[in-house]
Protein backbone atom coordinates (compact mmCIF):
# COMPACT_ATOMS: atom_id res chain seq x y z
CA MET A 1 -10.69 -4.79 30.22
CA GLY A 2 -11.27 -8.04 28.32
CA LYS A 3 -8.67 -9.70 26.15
CA LEU A 4 -10.77 -9.01 23.03
CA GLN A 5 -11.83 -5.49 23.95
CA ASP A 6 -13.05 -3.50 20.93
CA LYS A 7 -12.43 -6.37 18.50
CA THR A 8 -15.12 -6.89 15.88
CA ILE A 9 -15.86 -10.58 15.46
CA VAL A 10 -18.25 -12.17 12.98
CA VAL A 11 -19.56 -15.59 14.03
CA THR A 12 -21.56 -17.61 11.51
CA GLY A 13 -23.94 -20.30 12.68
CA ALA A 14 -24.30 -18.26 15.86
CA SER A 15 -27.84 -19.27 16.81
CA SER A 16 -26.94 -22.51 18.61
CA GLY A 17 -24.22 -25.01 19.46
CA PHE A 18 -20.61 -24.06 18.93
CA GLY A 19 -21.44 -20.70 17.35
CA GLU A 20 -23.62 -19.57 20.24
CA ALA A 21 -20.95 -20.48 22.78
CA ILE A 22 -18.20 -18.79 20.73
CA ALA A 23 -20.15 -15.54 20.44
CA ILE A 24 -20.95 -15.37 24.15
CA ALA A 25 -17.37 -16.22 25.16
CA CYS A 26 -15.95 -13.53 22.86
CA ALA A 27 -18.44 -10.98 24.18
CA ALA A 28 -17.35 -11.84 27.73
CA GLU A 29 -13.85 -10.75 26.70
CA GLY A 30 -15.14 -7.40 25.47
CA ALA A 31 -15.64 -8.15 21.77
CA ARG A 32 -18.28 -6.67 19.51
CA VAL A 33 -19.94 -9.76 18.05
CA SER A 34 -21.89 -9.93 14.82
CA LEU A 35 -24.25 -12.90 14.96
CA VAL A 36 -25.02 -14.61 11.66
CA ALA A 37 -27.62 -17.36 11.16
CA ARG A 38 -31.06 -17.79 9.65
CA ARG A 39 -33.30 -17.71 12.73
CA ALA A 40 -33.63 -14.14 14.01
CA GLU A 41 -35.50 -15.11 17.17
CA LEU A 42 -32.69 -17.41 18.30
CA LEU A 43 -30.06 -14.83 17.41
CA GLU A 44 -31.86 -12.29 19.60
CA GLN A 45 -31.56 -14.68 22.53
CA VAL A 46 -27.83 -15.15 21.90
CA ALA A 47 -27.42 -11.37 21.55
CA ALA A 48 -29.08 -10.85 24.92
CA ALA A 49 -26.73 -13.38 26.53
CA ALA A 50 -23.71 -11.73 24.85
CA ARG A 51 -24.74 -8.28 26.08
CA ALA A 52 -25.25 -9.67 29.57
CA GLU A 53 -21.58 -10.68 29.48
CA GLY A 54 -20.59 -7.08 28.76
CA GLY A 55 -20.04 -7.18 25.00
CA GLU A 56 -21.91 -5.57 22.13
CA ALA A 57 -23.96 -7.74 19.81
CA LEU A 58 -25.47 -7.26 16.37
CA VAL A 59 -28.12 -9.60 14.97
CA CYS A 60 -27.69 -10.35 11.26
CA PRO A 61 -30.31 -12.85 10.06
CA THR A 62 -28.66 -14.47 7.06
CA ASP A 63 -29.12 -17.47 4.80
CA VAL A 64 -25.45 -18.35 4.31
CA SER A 65 -26.25 -20.22 1.10
CA ALA A 66 -27.14 -16.84 -0.49
CA ASP A 67 -24.14 -14.73 -1.51
CA ALA A 68 -26.07 -11.44 -1.47
CA GLN A 69 -27.16 -12.03 2.12
CA ILE A 70 -23.58 -12.78 3.16
CA HIS A 71 -22.35 -9.51 1.67
CA ALA A 72 -25.24 -7.66 3.35
CA ALA A 73 -24.28 -9.13 6.74
CA VAL A 74 -20.66 -8.04 6.30
CA GLU A 75 -21.72 -4.51 5.31
CA GLN A 76 -24.15 -4.34 8.23
CA THR A 77 -21.32 -5.34 10.57
CA ARG A 78 -18.96 -2.72 9.16
CA ALA A 79 -21.62 -0.03 9.48
CA ALA A 80 -22.28 -0.90 13.13
CA PHE A 81 -18.85 -1.89 14.41
CA GLY A 82 -16.23 -0.99 11.82
CA PRO A 83 -13.79 -3.33 10.03
CA VAL A 84 -13.89 -7.05 10.82
CA ASP A 85 -10.97 -8.18 13.00
CA VAL A 86 -11.92 -11.85 13.34
CA LEU A 87 -14.13 -14.04 11.18
CA VAL A 88 -15.30 -17.37 12.62
CA ASN A 89 -16.64 -19.56 9.81
CA ASN A 90 -18.72 -21.91 11.92
CA ALA A 91 -21.96 -22.37 9.97
CA GLY A 92 -22.54 -26.02 9.16
CA ALA A 93 -25.17 -28.65 8.53
CA ASN A 94 -25.52 -32.34 7.84
CA ILE A 95 -28.20 -34.71 6.62
CA PRO A 96 -29.33 -38.18 7.74
CA GLN A 97 -28.26 -39.68 4.40
CA ARG A 98 -24.54 -40.51 4.53
CA SER A 99 -23.60 -42.84 1.66
CA ILE A 100 -23.01 -41.89 -1.98
CA THR A 101 -25.98 -44.04 -2.98
CA ASP A 102 -28.39 -42.40 -0.55
CA THR A 103 -27.22 -38.79 -0.93
CA SER A 104 -28.89 -36.89 -3.75
CA ALA A 105 -27.09 -34.33 -5.88
CA GLU A 106 -29.40 -31.67 -4.44
CA GLN A 107 -28.42 -32.62 -0.88
CA TRP A 108 -24.74 -32.61 -1.88
CA ARG A 109 -25.02 -29.07 -3.28
CA GLU A 110 -26.95 -27.87 -0.24
CA LEU A 111 -24.23 -29.04 2.16
CA MET A 112 -21.46 -27.61 -0.01
CA ASP A 113 -23.21 -24.23 -0.07
CA ILE A 114 -23.69 -24.11 3.70
CA ASN A 115 -20.50 -25.79 4.92
CA LEU A 116 -17.92 -24.69 2.38
CA THR A 117 -19.04 -22.06 -0.12
CA SER A 118 -20.33 -19.78 2.63
CA ALA A 119 -16.90 -19.85 4.30
CA TYR A 120 -15.30 -18.94 0.98
CA VAL A 121 -17.71 -16.05 0.32
CA PHE A 122 -17.27 -14.65 3.84
CA THR A 123 -13.50 -14.98 3.55
CA ARG A 124 -13.47 -13.25 0.19
CA ALA A 125 -15.60 -10.44 1.64
CA VAL A 126 -13.22 -9.62 4.50
CA LEU A 127 -9.78 -10.67 3.24
CA PRO A 128 -8.97 -7.54 1.18
CA GLU A 129 -9.56 -5.17 4.09
CA MET A 130 -7.60 -7.42 6.44
CA LYS A 131 -4.66 -7.50 4.03
CA ALA A 132 -4.80 -3.73 3.54
CA ARG A 133 -4.85 -3.21 7.30
CA GLY A 134 -2.01 -5.68 7.85
CA ASP A 135 -3.93 -7.69 10.45
CA GLY A 136 -6.81 -10.15 10.65
CA LEU A 137 -7.76 -13.63 11.76
CA ILE A 138 -10.05 -16.20 10.17
CA ILE A 139 -10.97 -19.30 12.17
CA ASN A 140 -12.51 -22.08 10.10
CA ILE A 141 -14.49 -24.53 12.23
CA ALA A 142 -14.30 -27.72 10.21
CA SER A 143 -14.30 -31.29 11.57
CA ARG A 144 -12.13 -34.34 12.09
CA ALA A 145 -14.36 -35.79 9.37
CA GLY A 146 -12.16 -33.79 7.02
CA MET A 147 -9.14 -35.66 8.35
CA PHE A 148 -10.83 -39.06 8.44
CA PRO A 149 -13.69 -39.07 5.92
CA SER A 150 -16.23 -41.85 6.35
CA ILE A 151 -19.77 -42.95 5.66
CA GLY A 152 -20.44 -42.36 9.35
CA ALA A 153 -19.84 -38.64 8.88
CA GLY A 154 -21.29 -38.69 5.38
CA VAL A 155 -19.80 -38.30 1.94
CA ALA A 156 -21.01 -34.72 1.42
CA TYR A 157 -20.16 -33.55 4.95
CA SER A 158 -16.68 -35.12 4.86
CA THR A 159 -15.94 -33.63 1.46
CA SER A 160 -17.07 -30.16 2.54
CA LYS A 161 -14.75 -30.30 5.55
CA ILE A 162 -11.80 -31.42 3.42
CA GLY A 163 -12.55 -28.36 1.31
CA MET A 164 -12.23 -26.18 4.41
CA GLU A 165 -8.66 -27.44 4.80
CA ALA A 166 -7.81 -26.26 1.28
CA LEU A 167 -9.50 -22.90 1.84
CA ASN A 168 -7.57 -22.42 5.06
CA ALA A 169 -4.24 -23.31 3.46
CA VAL A 170 -4.72 -20.91 0.54
CA THR A 171 -5.90 -18.15 2.89
CA ASN A 172 -2.63 -18.46 4.81
CA GLU A 173 -0.59 -18.58 1.61
CA GLU A 174 -2.33 -15.46 0.32
CA GLY A 175 -2.59 -13.54 3.57
CA ASN A 176 0.33 -14.33 5.88
CA ALA A 177 2.72 -11.89 4.23
CA GLN A 178 0.17 -9.12 4.91
CA GLY A 179 -0.43 -10.18 8.52
CA VAL A 180 -3.59 -12.22 7.94
CA ARG A 181 -3.81 -15.57 9.71
CA ALA A 182 -6.14 -18.53 9.23
CA CYS A 183 -6.71 -21.43 11.60
CA LEU A 184 -8.39 -24.72 10.72
CA PHE A 185 -10.15 -26.06 13.82
CA ASN A 186 -11.14 -29.74 13.53
CA PRO A 187 -13.33 -30.90 16.43
CA GLY A 188 -14.46 -34.47 16.88
CA ALA A 189 -17.92 -35.43 18.08
CA GLY A 190 -19.58 -32.48 19.80
CA ASN A 191 -22.71 -32.13 21.89
CA THR A 192 -24.62 -29.81 19.57
CA PRO A 193 -27.96 -30.07 17.73
CA ILE A 194 -26.24 -31.39 14.59
CA ILE A 195 -25.29 -34.60 16.42
CA ASP A 196 -28.97 -35.53 16.48
CA ARG A 197 -28.96 -35.78 12.70
CA ARG A 198 -26.75 -38.85 12.79
CA PRO A 199 -28.48 -42.12 11.88
CA VAL A 200 -27.48 -43.58 15.27
CA LYS A 201 -28.93 -41.70 18.24
CA PHE A 202 -26.88 -40.92 21.36
CA SER A 203 -27.96 -41.00 24.99
CA GLN A 204 -27.53 -37.97 27.25
CA GLU A 205 -24.74 -39.80 29.04
CA GLN A 206 -22.92 -40.32 25.75
CA LYS A 207 -23.40 -36.68 24.78
CA MET A 208 -21.83 -35.49 28.03
CA LYS A 209 -18.64 -37.38 27.12
CA MET A 210 -18.43 -35.48 23.83
CA ILE A 211 -16.79 -32.12 23.23
CA GLN A 212 -19.00 -29.42 24.73
CA PRO A 213 -19.68 -26.03 23.10
CA GLU A 214 -17.76 -24.21 25.85
CA ASP A 215 -14.65 -26.28 25.02
CA ILE A 216 -14.73 -24.97 21.46
CA ALA A 217 -15.48 -21.43 22.63
CA ASP A 218 -12.56 -21.36 25.08
CA THR A 219 -10.21 -22.54 22.34
CA VAL A 220 -11.44 -19.92 19.86
CA VAL A 221 -10.89 -17.19 22.46
CA PHE A 222 -7.38 -18.52 23.10
CA ILE A 223 -6.55 -18.42 19.38
CA ALA A 224 -8.05 -14.96 18.95
CA CYS A 225 -6.03 -13.60 21.87
CA LEU A 226 -2.65 -14.69 20.53
CA PRO A 227 -0.33 -11.93 19.26
CA PRO A 228 -0.37 -11.24 15.49
CA ARG A 229 3.11 -12.73 15.13
CA VAL A 230 1.70 -16.19 16.01
CA ASN A 231 -0.38 -18.30 13.65
CA ILE A 232 -1.84 -21.61 14.81
CA ASP A 233 -2.85 -23.04 11.46
CA LEU A 234 -4.38 -26.30 12.71
CA VAL A 235 -6.17 -27.44 15.86
CA SER A 236 -7.47 -31.00 16.21
CA MET A 237 -9.68 -31.79 19.21
CA LEU A 238 -11.34 -35.04 20.18
CA PRO A 239 -13.11 -36.36 23.26
CA THR A 240 -10.89 -38.11 25.78
CA LYS A 241 -13.46 -40.88 26.22
CA SER A 242 -15.50 -42.20 23.34
């Protein structure tokens, strides 16, 4: 029996990168994974890989910038698997424009909707049932850009990740007394498709020195397997060699 047997886990941004690896790793531990992202065809591939590992998988094509679609994904998950035990807010995006001058207000709002507001709406959708049940875990995949904002990471991206820190802190303040835990996970540079949106391009050799998706997935599984009495509220991870 896996360490996450019969746990219902929602993973946003599950079609590639960190989210894909997290979903498959959780499924390998027996979890029922609900896969949330826009591209249904990619989610089907991740679902097949998750099922091959022995878990159950549900495909929930969702535009996380649309509140109604978020609520529909949560309801679809409940109908298929029951109450949500773990929410992994992983959906994220960035843009090539990084400075205040180059970033438009429209681009700013788009990143806030995807990176931050979606995490808030998902959290708000599952928090009441978690509090009522006296148990639940929310893992917010943010970034070290929230700890060290810079033009390199981008003004909108950095700000959205700082916002994740505030959301995580308030979730713990509101939920800990009822057994709900929240963990802010701040990875450094990772070898995922989003890295290719940086203005400076990286070689394959450089990418292999970065954090790999399986490193994030193994850490998420570790956090999710801890007993309810333990709350790791912050994880910071960076590559050993840069």
